[in-house]
Structures are given as structure tokens and as C-alpha cells.
PDB file of all heavy atoms in Angstrom:
ATOM      1  N   LYS A   1      93.401  89.942  66.631  1.00  0.00           N
ATOM      2  CA  LYS A   1      92.862  88.549  66.269  1.00  0.00           C
ATOM      3  C   LYS A   1      91.905  88.169  67.542  1.00  0.00           C
ATOM      4  O   LYS A   1      91.040  87.286  67.227  1.00  0.00           O
ATOM      5  CB  LYS A   1      93.867  87.659  66.253  1.00  0.00           C
ATOM      6  CG  LYS A   1      94.885  87.804  65.053  1.00  0.00           C
ATOM      7  CD  LYS A   1      95.987  86.766  64.916  1.00  0.00           C
ATOM      8  CE  LYS A   1      96.848  86.992  63.802  1.00  0.00           C
ATOM      9  NZ  LYS A   1      97.965  86.009  63.696  1.00  0.00           N
ATOM     10  N   THR A   2      91.987  88.811  68.704  1.00  0.00           N
ATOM     11  CA  THR A   2      91.216  88.369  69.800  1.00  0.00           C
ATOM     12  C   THR A   2      89.860  89.131  69.746  1.00  0.00           C
ATOM     13  O   THR A   2      90.026  90.439  69.608  1.00  0.00           O
ATOM     14  CB  THR A   2      92.015  88.733  71.070  1.00  0.00           C
ATOM     15  OG1 THR A   2      93.158  88.006  71.152  1.00  0.00           O
ATOM     16  CG2 THR A   2      91.201  88.203  72.226  1.00  0.00           C
ATOM     17  N   LYS A   3      88.814  88.578  69.845  1.00  0.00           N
ATOM     18  CA  LYS A   3      87.489  89.245  69.869  1.00  0.00           C
ATOM     19  C   LYS A   3      87.297  90.153  71.071  1.00  0.00           C
ATOM     20  O   LYS A   3      87.827  89.783  72.124  1.00  0.00           O
ATOM     21  CB  LYS A   3      86.367  88.119  69.825  1.00  0.00           C
ATOM     22  CG  LYS A   3      86.406  87.390  68.432  1.00  0.00           C
ATOM     23  CD  LYS A   3      85.239  86.319  68.409  1.00  0.00           C
ATOM     24  CE  LYS A   3      85.230  85.671  67.139  1.00  0.00           C
ATOM     25  NZ  LYS A   3      84.129  84.628  66.938  1.00  0.00           N
ATOM     26  N   THR A   4      86.394  91.073  70.978  1.00  0.00           N
ATOM     27  CA  THR A   4      86.299  91.976  72.073  1.00  0.00           C
ATOM     28  C   THR A   4      85.683  91.341  73.227  1.00  0.00           C
ATOM     29  O   THR A   4      85.801  91.558  74.390  1.00  0.00           O
ATOM     30  CB  THR A   4      85.295  93.143  71.622  1.00  0.00           C
ATOM     31  OG1 THR A   4      85.856  93.699  70.477  1.00  0.00           O
ATOM     32  CG2 THR A   4      85.142  94.186  72.641  1.00  0.00           C
ATOM     33  N   SER A   5      84.708  90.357  72.967  1.00  0.00           N
ATOM     34  CA  SER A   5      83.954  89.724  74.019  1.00  0.00           C
ATOM     35  C   SER A   5      85.102  88.823  74.800  1.00  0.00           C
ATOM     36  O   SER A   5      84.911  88.732  76.121  1.00  0.00           O
ATOM     37  CB  SER A   5      82.967  88.618  73.534  1.00  0.00           C
ATOM     38  OG  SER A   5      83.476  87.737  72.525  1.00  0.00           O
ATOM     39  N   MET A   6      86.020  88.278  74.203  1.00  0.00           N
ATOM     40  CA  MET A   6      86.984  87.489  74.898  1.00  0.00           C
ATOM     41  C   MET A   6      87.985  88.443  75.658  1.00  0.00           C
ATOM     42  O   MET A   6      88.551  88.060  76.673  1.00  0.00           O
ATOM     43  CB  MET A   6      87.808  86.536  74.016  1.00  0.00           C
ATOM     44  CG  MET A   6      88.760  85.660  74.687  1.00  0.00           C
ATOM     45  SD  MET A   6      88.006  84.535  76.013  1.00  0.00           S
ATOM     46  CE  MET A   6      86.825  83.574  75.074  1.00  0.00           C
ATOM     47  N   LYS A   7      88.162  89.617  75.076  1.00  0.00           N
ATOM     48  CA  LYS A   7      89.053  90.590  75.787  1.00  0.00           C
ATOM     49  C   LYS A   7      88.440  90.903  77.198  1.00  0.00           C
ATOM     50  O   LYS A   7      89.158  91.280  78.192  1.00  0.00           O
ATOM     51  CB  LYS A   7      89.307  91.901  75.040  1.00  0.00           C
ATOM     52  CG  LYS A   7      90.142  91.614  73.693  1.00  0.00           C
ATOM     53  CD  LYS A   7      90.256  92.820  72.966  1.00  0.00           C
ATOM     54  CE  LYS A   7      91.221  92.714  71.787  1.00  0.00           C
ATOM     55  NZ  LYS A   7      91.409  94.014  70.951  1.00  0.00           N
ATOM     56  N   PHE A   8      87.049  91.039  77.233  1.00  0.00           N
ATOM     57  CA  PHE A   8      86.468  91.263  78.316  1.00  0.00           C
ATOM     58  C   PHE A   8      86.802  90.346  79.465  1.00  0.00           C
ATOM     59  O   PHE A   8      86.745  90.693  80.823  1.00  0.00           O
ATOM     60  CB  PHE A   8      84.800  91.366  78.241  1.00  0.00           C
ATOM     61  CG  PHE A   8      84.304  92.583  77.466  1.00  0.00           C
ATOM     62  CD1 PHE A   8      83.145  92.616  76.879  1.00  0.00           C
ATOM     63  CD2 PHE A   8      85.195  93.723  77.369  1.00  0.00           C
ATOM     64  CE1 PHE A   8      82.726  93.716  76.185  1.00  0.00           C
ATOM     65  CE2 PHE A   8      84.727  94.833  76.704  1.00  0.00           C
ATOM     66  CZ  PHE A   8      83.459  94.833  76.146  1.00  0.00           C
ATOM     67  N   LEU A   9      86.995  88.983  79.164  1.00  0.00           N
ATOM     68  CA  LEU A   9      87.245  88.072  80.114  1.00  0.00           C
ATOM     69  C   LEU A   9      88.805  87.927  80.405  1.00  0.00           C
ATOM     70  O   LEU A   9      89.119  87.567  81.553  1.00  0.00           O
ATOM     71  CB  LEU A   9      86.717  86.717  79.588  1.00  0.00           C
ATOM     72  CG  LEU A   9      85.272  86.412  79.419  1.00  0.00           C
ATOM     73  CD1 LEU A   9      84.996  85.090  78.740  1.00  0.00           C
ATOM     74  CD2 LEU A   9      84.618  86.494  80.858  1.00  0.00           C
ATOM     75  N   LEU A  10      89.482  88.324  79.499  1.00  0.00           N
ATOM     76  CA  LEU A  10      90.993  88.143  79.655  1.00  0.00           C
ATOM     77  C   LEU A  10      91.589  89.280  80.365  1.00  0.00           C
ATOM     78  O   LEU A  10      92.547  89.084  81.117  1.00  0.00           O
ATOM     79  CB  LEU A  10      91.782  87.925  78.308  1.00  0.00           C
ATOM     80  CG  LEU A  10      91.461  86.721  77.462  1.00  0.00           C
ATOM     81  CD1 LEU A  10      92.214  86.788  76.133  1.00  0.00           C
ATOM     82  CD2 LEU A  10      92.017  85.418  78.334  1.00  0.00           C
ATOM     83  N   VAL A  11      91.046  90.422  80.246  1.00  0.00           N
ATOM     84  CA  VAL A  11      91.625  91.592  80.900  1.00  0.00           C
ATOM     85  C   VAL A  11      91.579  91.501  82.385  1.00  0.00           C
ATOM     86  O   VAL A  11      92.591  91.765  83.064  1.00  0.00           O
ATOM     87  CB  VAL A  11      90.876  92.836  80.323  1.00  0.00           C
ATOM     88  CG1 VAL A  11      91.203  94.169  81.536  1.00  0.00           C
ATOM     89  CG2 VAL A  11      91.266  93.304  79.124  1.00  0.00           C
ATOM     90  N   PRO A  12      90.414  91.095  83.031  1.00  0.00           N
ATOM     91  CA  PRO A  12      90.542  90.790  84.524  1.00  0.00           C
ATOM     92  C   PRO A  12      91.544  89.831  84.985  1.00  0.00           C
ATOM     93  O   PRO A  12      92.022  89.888  86.065  1.00  0.00           O
ATOM     94  CB  PRO A  12      89.059  90.518  84.987  1.00  0.00           C
ATOM     95  CG  PRO A  12      88.289  90.923  83.758  1.00  0.00           C
ATOM     96  CD  PRO A  12      89.121  90.837  82.542  1.00  0.00           C
ATOM     97  N   VAL A  13      91.852  88.905  84.068  1.00  0.00           N
ATOM     98  CA  VAL A  13      92.903  87.826  84.561  1.00  0.00           C
ATOM     99  C   VAL A  13      94.206  88.440  84.821  1.00  0.00           C
ATOM    100  O   VAL A  13      94.945  87.976  85.680  1.00  0.00           O
ATOM    101  CB  VAL A  13      92.911  86.766  83.359  1.00  0.00           C
ATOM    102  CG1 VAL A  13      94.186  85.810  83.674  1.00  0.00           C
ATOM    103  CG2 VAL A  13      91.676  86.017  83.164  1.00  0.00           C
ATOM    104  N   PHE A  14      94.628  89.404  84.086  1.00  0.00           N
ATOM    105  CA  PHE A  14      95.884  90.181  84.396  1.00  0.00           C
ATOM    106  C   PHE A  14      95.717  91.583  85.101  1.00  0.00           C
ATOM    107  O   PHE A  14      96.719  92.068  85.602  1.00  0.00           O
ATOM    108  CB  PHE A  14      96.556  90.198  83.078  1.00  0.00           C
ATOM    109  CG  PHE A  14      96.822  88.915  82.338  1.00  0.00           C
ATOM    110  CD1 PHE A  14      96.055  88.479  81.383  1.00  0.00           C
ATOM    111  CD2 PHE A  14      97.945  88.086  82.913  1.00  0.00           C
ATOM    112  CE1 PHE A  14      96.342  87.330  80.775  1.00  0.00           C
ATOM    113  CE2 PHE A  14      98.099  86.936  82.288  1.00  0.00           C
ATOM    114  CZ  PHE A  14      97.269  86.513  81.265  1.00  0.00           C
ATOM    115  N   LEU A  15      94.497  92.137  85.055  1.00  0.00           N
ATOM    116  CA  LEU A  15      94.361  93.339  85.660  1.00  0.00           C
ATOM    117  C   LEU A  15      94.295  93.117  87.244  1.00  0.00           C
ATOM    118  O   LEU A  15      94.834  93.980  88.026  1.00  0.00           O
ATOM    119  CB  LEU A  15      93.090  94.048  85.241  1.00  0.00           C
ATOM    120  CG  LEU A  15      92.670  95.457  85.894  1.00  0.00           C
ATOM    121  CD1 LEU A  15      93.896  96.406  85.496  1.00  0.00           C
ATOM    122  CD2 LEU A  15      91.294  95.914  85.385  1.00  0.00           C
ATOM    123  N   SER A  16      93.743  92.023  87.739  1.00  0.00           N
ATOM    124  CA  SER A  16      93.718  91.740  89.167  1.00  0.00           C
ATOM    125  C   SER A  16      95.020  91.612  89.665  1.00  0.00           C
ATOM    126  O   SER A  16      95.449  92.090  90.730  1.00  0.00           O
ATOM    127  CB  SER A  16      92.639  90.623  89.465  1.00  0.00           C
ATOM    128  OG  SER A  16      93.107  89.434  88.817  1.00  0.00           O
ATOM    129  N   PRO A  17      96.019  90.673  89.020  1.00  0.00           N
ATOM    130  CA  PRO A  17      97.326  90.606  89.526  1.00  0.00           C
ATOM    131  C   PRO A  17      98.057  91.996  89.533  1.00  0.00           C
ATOM    132  O   PRO A  17      98.845  92.190  90.415  1.00  0.00           O
ATOM    133  CB  PRO A  17      97.960  89.613  88.596  1.00  0.00           C
ATOM    134  CG  PRO A  17      96.941  88.864  88.084  1.00  0.00           C
ATOM    135  CD  PRO A  17      95.786  89.745  87.952  1.00  0.00           C
ATOM    136  N   LEU A  18      97.774  92.797  88.485  1.00  0.00           N
ATOM    137  CA  LEU A  18      98.415  94.185  88.385  1.00  0.00           C
ATOM    138  C   LEU A  18      98.152  94.968  89.604  1.00  0.00           C
ATOM    139  O   LEU A  18      98.960  95.496  90.354  1.00  0.00           O
ATOM    140  CB  LEU A  18      98.160  94.804  87.124  1.00  0.00           C
ATOM    141  CG  LEU A  18      98.696  96.223  87.004  1.00  0.00           C
ATOM    142  CD1 LEU A  18     100.251  96.158  86.962  1.00  0.00           C
ATOM    143  CD2 LEU A  18      98.147  96.819  85.693  1.00  0.00           C
ATOM    144  N   VAL A  19      96.821  95.031  90.093  1.00  0.00           N
ATOM    145  CA  VAL A  19      96.397  95.847  91.184  1.00  0.00           C
ATOM    146  C   VAL A  19      96.884  95.243  92.434  1.00  0.00           C
ATOM    147  O   VAL A  19      97.181  95.997  93.363  1.00  0.00           O
ATOM    148  CB  VAL A  19      94.832  95.913  91.159  1.00  0.00           C
ATOM    149  CG1 VAL A  19      94.373  96.767  92.295  1.00  0.00           C
ATOM    150  CG2 VAL A  19      94.466  96.700  89.845  1.00  0.00           C
ATOM    151  N   ASN A  20      96.900  93.831  92.408  1.00  0.00           N
ATOM    152  CA  ASN A  20      97.372  93.224  93.654  1.00  0.00           C
ATOM    153  C   ASN A  20      98.754  93.467  93.898  1.00  0.00           C
ATOM    154  O   ASN A  20      99.147  93.638  95.101  1.00  0.00           O
ATOM    155  CB  ASN A  20      97.226  91.653  93.407  1.00  0.00           C
ATOM    156  CG  ASN A  20      97.222  90.806  94.595  1.00  0.00           C
ATOM    157  OD1 ASN A  20      97.796  91.206  95.639  1.00  0.00           O
ATOM    158  ND2 ASN A  20      96.653  89.581  94.532  1.00  0.00           N
ATOM    159  N   ASN A  21      99.604  93.495  92.866  1.00  0.00           N
ATOM    160  CA  ASN A  21     100.964  93.813  93.039  1.00  0.00           C
ATOM    161  C   ASN A  21     101.244  95.325  93.493  1.00  0.00           C
ATOM    162  O   ASN A  21     101.988  95.464  94.371  1.00  0.00           O
ATOM    163  CB  ASN A  21     101.752  93.724  91.850  1.00  0.00           C
ATOM    164  CG  ASN A  21     102.071  92.230  91.443  1.00  0.00           C
ATOM    165  OD1 ASN A  21     102.450  91.551  92.455  1.00  0.00           O
ATOM    166  ND2 ASN A  21     102.044  91.766  90.256  1.00  0.00           N
ATOM    167  N   LEU A  22     100.352  96.178  92.909  1.00  0.00           N
ATOM    168  CA  LEU A  22     100.650  97.605  93.293  1.00  0.00           C
ATOM    169  C   LEU A  22     100.092  97.977  94.585  1.00  0.00           C
ATOM    170  O   LEU A  22     100.610  98.847  95.294  1.00  0.00           O
ATOM    171  CB  LEU A  22      99.976  98.553  92.156  1.00  0.00           C
ATOM    172  CG  LEU A  22     100.596  98.233  90.835  1.00  0.00           C
ATOM    173  CD1 LEU A  22      99.737  99.157  89.748  1.00  0.00           C
ATOM    174  CD2 LEU A  22     102.002  98.732  90.720  1.00  0.00           C
ATOM    175  N   VAL A  23      99.130  97.288  95.027  1.00  0.00           N
ATOM    176  CA  VAL A  23      98.318  97.644  96.342  1.00  0.00           C
ATOM    177  C   VAL A  23      98.961  96.846  97.462  1.00  0.00           C
ATOM    178  O   VAL A  23      99.316  97.255  98.588  1.00  0.00           O
ATOM    179  CB  VAL A  23      96.796  97.525  96.203  1.00  0.00           C
ATOM    180  CG1 VAL A  23      96.271  97.842  97.574  1.00  0.00           C
ATOM    181  CG2 VAL A  23      96.435  98.633  95.199  1.00  0.00           C
ATOM    182  N   CYS A  24      98.872  95.397  97.268  1.00  0.00           N
ATOM    183  CA  CYS A  24      99.073  94.532  98.364  1.00  0.00           C
ATOM    184  C   CYS A  24     100.644  94.244  98.736  1.00  0.00           C
ATOM    185  O   CYS A  24     101.060  94.014  99.781  1.00  0.00           O
ATOM    186  CB  CYS A  24      98.323  93.304  98.081  1.00  0.00           C
ATOM    187  SG  CYS A  24      96.648  93.322  97.959  1.00  0.00           S
ATOM    188  N   ARG A  25     101.494  94.240  97.553  1.00  0.00           N
ATOM    189  CA  ARG A  25     102.817  93.861  97.878  1.00  0.00           C
ATOM    190  C   ARG A  25     103.586  94.913  98.697  1.00  0.00           C
ATOM    191  O   ARG A  25     104.368  94.468  99.602  1.00  0.00           O
ATOM    192  CB  ARG A  25     103.537  93.784  96.490  1.00  0.00           C
ATOM    193  CG  ARG A  25     103.100  92.707  95.601  1.00  0.00           C
ATOM    194  CD  ARG A  25     103.381  91.258  96.064  1.00  0.00           C
ATOM    195  NE  ARG A  25     102.570  90.862  97.059  1.00  0.00           N
ATOM    196  CZ  ARG A  25     101.175  90.554  96.995  1.00  0.00           C
ATOM    197  NH1 ARG A  25     100.749  90.564  95.720  1.00  0.00           N
ATOM    198  NH2 ARG A  25     100.481  90.084  98.025  1.00  0.00           N
ATOM    199  N   PRO A  26     103.393  96.223  98.572  1.00  0.00           N
ATOM    200  CA  PRO A  26     104.145  97.171  99.472  1.00  0.00           C
ATOM    201  C   PRO A  26     103.610  96.894 101.040  1.00  0.00           C
ATOM    202  O   PRO A  26     104.422  96.949 101.915  1.00  0.00           O
ATOM    203  CB  PRO A  26     103.627  98.458  98.997  1.00  0.00           C
ATOM    204  CG  PRO A  26     103.255  98.373  97.558  1.00  0.00           C
ATOM    205  CD  PRO A  26     102.761  96.932  97.511  1.00  0.00           C
ATOM    206  N   MET A  27     102.314  96.586 101.215  1.00  0.00           N
ATOM    207  CA  MET A  27     101.819  96.483 102.528  1.00  0.00           C
ATOM    208  C   MET A  27     102.400  95.117 103.033  1.00  0.00           C
ATOM    209  O   MET A  27     102.741  94.985 104.223  1.00  0.00           O
ATOM    210  CB  MET A  27     100.303  96.478 102.662  1.00  0.00           C
ATOM    211  CG  MET A  27      99.727  97.897 102.392  1.00  0.00           C
ATOM    212  SD  MET A  27      98.026  97.962 102.709  1.00  0.00           S
ATOM    213  CE  MET A  27      97.313  97.034 101.418  1.00  0.00           C
ATOM    214  N   GLU A  28     102.479  94.084 102.274  1.00  0.00           N
ATOM    215  CA  GLU A  28     102.978  92.717 102.707  1.00  0.00           C
ATOM    216  C   GLU A  28     104.573  93.000 103.018  1.00  0.00           C
ATOM    217  O   GLU A  28     104.995  92.358 103.860  1.00  0.00           O
ATOM    218  CB  GLU A  28     102.921  91.801 101.511  1.00  0.00           C
ATOM    219  CG  GLU A  28     103.321  90.464 101.826  1.00  0.00           C
ATOM    220  CD  GLU A  28     103.162  89.589 100.715  1.00  0.00           C
ATOM    221  OE1 GLU A  28     102.385  89.625  99.938  1.00  0.00           O
ATOM    222  OE2 GLU A  28     104.086  88.504 100.485  1.00  0.00           O
ATOM    223  N   ALA A  29     105.164  93.767 102.262  1.00  0.00           N
ATOM    224  CA  ALA A  29     106.639  94.009 102.621  1.00  0.00           C
ATOM    225  C   ALA A  29     106.821  94.694 103.954  1.00  0.00           C
ATOM    226  O   ALA A  29     107.741  94.401 104.751  1.00  0.00           O
ATOM    227  CB  ALA A  29     107.316  94.830 101.534  1.00  0.00           C
ATOM    228  N   GLU A  30     105.862  95.581 104.301  1.00  0.00           N
ATOM    229  CA  GLU A  30     105.929  96.243 105.553  1.00  0.00           C
ATOM    230  C   GLU A  30     105.543  95.356 106.684  1.00  0.00           C
ATOM    231  O   GLU A  30     106.238  95.337 107.700  1.00  0.00           O
ATOM    232  CB  GLU A  30     104.849  97.510 105.556  1.00  0.00           C
ATOM    233  CG  GLU A  30     105.196  98.541 104.733  1.00  0.00           C
ATOM    234  CD  GLU A  30     106.446  99.355 105.259  1.00  0.00           C
ATOM    235  OE1 GLU A  30     106.616  99.463 106.565  1.00  0.00           O
ATOM    236  OE2 GLU A  30     107.278  99.595 104.424  1.00  0.00           O
ATOM    237  N   LEU A  31     104.682  94.316 106.518  1.00  0.00           N
ATOM    238  CA  LEU A  31     104.345  93.353 107.516  1.00  0.00           C
ATOM    239  C   LEU A  31     105.722  92.483 107.731  1.00  0.00           C
ATOM    240  O   LEU A  31     105.908  92.131 108.791  1.00  0.00           O
ATOM    241  CB  LEU A  31     103.225  92.508 107.011  1.00  0.00           C
ATOM    242  CG  LEU A  31     101.859  93.116 106.994  1.00  0.00           C
ATOM    243  CD1 LEU A  31     100.920  92.184 106.340  1.00  0.00           C
ATOM    244  CD2 LEU A  31     101.453  93.268 108.437  1.00  0.00           C
ATOM    245  N   LEU A  32     106.420  92.124 106.687  1.00  0.00           N
ATOM    246  CA  LEU A  32     107.480  91.236 106.833  1.00  0.00           C
ATOM    247  C   LEU A  32     108.670  92.037 107.528  1.00  0.00           C
ATOM    248  O   LEU A  32     109.282  91.459 108.359  1.00  0.00           O
ATOM    249  CB  LEU A  32     107.968  90.771 105.379  1.00  0.00           C
ATOM    250  CG  LEU A  32     107.195  89.705 104.657  1.00  0.00           C
ATOM    251  CD1 LEU A  32     107.615  89.550 103.266  1.00  0.00           C
ATOM    252  CD2 LEU A  32     106.981  88.454 105.470  1.00  0.00           C
ATOM    253  N   LEU A  33     108.769  93.288 107.098  1.00  0.00           N
ATOM    254  CA  LEU A  33     109.795  94.054 107.798  1.00  0.00           C
ATOM    255  C   LEU A  33     109.486  94.236 109.302  1.00  0.00           C
ATOM    256  O   LEU A  33     110.402  94.395 110.219  1.00  0.00           O
ATOM    257  CB  LEU A  33     110.050  95.422 107.163  1.00  0.00           C
ATOM    258  CG  LEU A  33     110.625  95.333 105.712  1.00  0.00           C
ATOM    259  CD1 LEU A  33     110.641  96.691 105.144  1.00  0.00           C
ATOM    260  CD2 LEU A  33     111.993  94.703 105.802  1.00  0.00           C
ATOM    261  N   GLY A  34     108.255  94.418 109.659  1.00  0.00           N
ATOM    262  CA  GLY A  34     107.700  94.495 110.929  1.00  0.00           C
ATOM    263  C   GLY A  34     107.974  93.213 111.744  1.00  0.00           C
ATOM    264  O   GLY A  34     108.531  93.255 112.964  1.00  0.00           O
ATOM    265  N   LEU A  35     107.922  92.079 111.132  1.00  0.00           N
ATOM    266  CA  LEU A  35     108.140  90.797 111.822  1.00  0.00           C
ATOM    267  C   LEU A  35     109.714  90.654 111.998  1.00  0.00           C
ATOM    268  O   LEU A  35     110.157  90.124 113.032  1.00  0.00           O
ATOM    269  CB  LEU A  35     107.703  89.612 111.069  1.00  0.00           C
ATOM    270  CG  LEU A  35     106.248  89.521 110.831  1.00  0.00           C
ATOM    271  CD1 LEU A  35     105.836  88.310 109.876  1.00  0.00           C
ATOM    272  CD2 LEU A  35     105.569  89.203 112.239  1.00  0.00           C
ATOM    273  N   LEU A  36     110.510  91.185 111.037  1.00  0.00           N
ATOM    274  CA  LEU A  36     111.939  91.108 111.072  1.00  0.00           C
ATOM    275  C   LEU A  36     112.372  91.966 112.302  1.00  0.00           C
ATOM    276  O   LEU A  36     113.376  91.607 112.899  1.00  0.00           O
ATOM    277  CB  LEU A  36     112.520  91.644 109.870  1.00  0.00           C
ATOM    278  CG  LEU A  36     114.053  91.538 109.760  1.00  0.00           C
ATOM    279  CD1 LEU A  36     114.545  90.065 109.784  1.00  0.00           C
ATOM    280  CD2 LEU A  36     114.523  92.161 108.400  1.00  0.00           C
ATOM    281  N   LYS A  37     111.959  93.082 112.528  1.00  0.00           N
ATOM    282  CA  LYS A  37     112.302  93.979 113.678  1.00  0.00           C
ATOM    283  C   LYS A  37     111.440  93.861 114.932  1.00  0.00           C
ATOM    284  O   LYS A  37     111.545  94.551 115.811  1.00  0.00           O
ATOM    285  CB  LYS A  37     112.233  95.405 113.179  1.00  0.00           C
ATOM    286  CG  LYS A  37     113.129  95.652 112.025  1.00  0.00           C
ATOM    287  CD  LYS A  37     113.100  97.080 111.695  1.00  0.00           C
ATOM    288  CE  LYS A  37     114.048  97.561 110.503  1.00  0.00           C
ATOM    289  NZ  LYS A  37     113.886  98.883 110.043  1.00  0.00           N
ATOM    290  N   CYS A  38     110.530  92.836 114.856  1.00  0.00           N
ATOM    291  CA  CYS A  38     109.531  92.572 116.033  1.00  0.00           C
ATOM    292  C   CYS A  38     108.735  93.761 116.298  1.00  0.00           C
ATOM    293  O   CYS A  38     108.335  94.140 117.413  1.00  0.00           O
ATOM    294  CB  CYS A  38     110.425  92.137 117.203  1.00  0.00           C
ATOM    295  SG  CYS A  38     111.145  90.493 117.040  1.00  0.00           S
ATOM    296  N   ASP A  39     108.407  94.505 115.271  1.00  0.00           N
ATOM    297  CA  ASP A  39     107.607  95.699 115.284  1.00  0.00           C
ATOM    298  C   ASP A  39     106.139  95.335 114.776  1.00  0.00           C
ATOM    299  O   ASP A  39     106.031  95.575 113.570  1.00  0.00           O
ATOM    300  CB  ASP A  39     108.264  96.918 114.597  1.00  0.00           C
ATOM    301  CG  ASP A  39     107.318  98.184 114.689  1.00  0.00           C
ATOM    302  OD1 ASP A  39     106.448  98.245 115.571  1.00  0.00           O
ATOM    303  OD2 ASP A  39     107.679  99.120 114.147  1.00  0.00           O
ATOM    304  N   PHE A  40     105.323  94.874 115.559  1.00  0.00           N
ATOM    305  CA  PHE A  40     104.081  94.258 115.056  1.00  0.00           C
ATOM    306  C   PHE A  40     103.020  95.465 114.786  1.00  0.00           C
ATOM    307  O   PHE A  40     102.027  95.212 114.175  1.00  0.00           O
ATOM    308  CB  PHE A  40     103.502  93.338 116.154  1.00  0.00           C
ATOM    309  CG  PHE A  40     104.375  92.188 116.341  1.00  0.00           C
ATOM    310  CD1 PHE A  40     104.975  92.038 117.634  1.00  0.00           C
ATOM    311  CD2 PHE A  40     104.497  91.219 115.460  1.00  0.00           C
ATOM    312  CE1 PHE A  40     105.787  90.985 117.901  1.00  0.00           C
ATOM    313  CE2 PHE A  40     105.340  90.119 115.754  1.00  0.00           C
ATOM    314  CZ  PHE A  40     105.964  90.011 116.833  1.00  0.00           C
ATOM    315  N   GLY A  41     103.369  96.631 115.243  1.00  0.00           N
ATOM    316  CA  GLY A  41     102.513  97.772 114.950  1.00  0.00           C
ATOM    317  C   GLY A  41     103.145  98.636 113.749  1.00  0.00           C
ATOM    318  O   GLY A  41     102.625  99.770 113.553  1.00  0.00           O
TER     319      GLY A  41
END
């Protein structure tokens, strides 16, 4: 039911959070664990 032109706009709305989760969340967790152990490096 969704037109192809609207799919072009809707896909980035959920593709960017998907990539954000897969790439940034693991690094963010490492930062938090580093703060927890006072290991800033």
C-alpha cells in the first residue's frame, strides 16, 4: 500500500536508528564501563 517514493523517505527513518544501535551502542557501553572502573582509556 505504501508508494515507492514514500518508502525512500521512510526507510532512512528506521535505518539510521538500526545502524546507530549496531555501531554506537557497543562503544557507548564501553565508555560507561570505563567510567565505572575509572578506566578512561
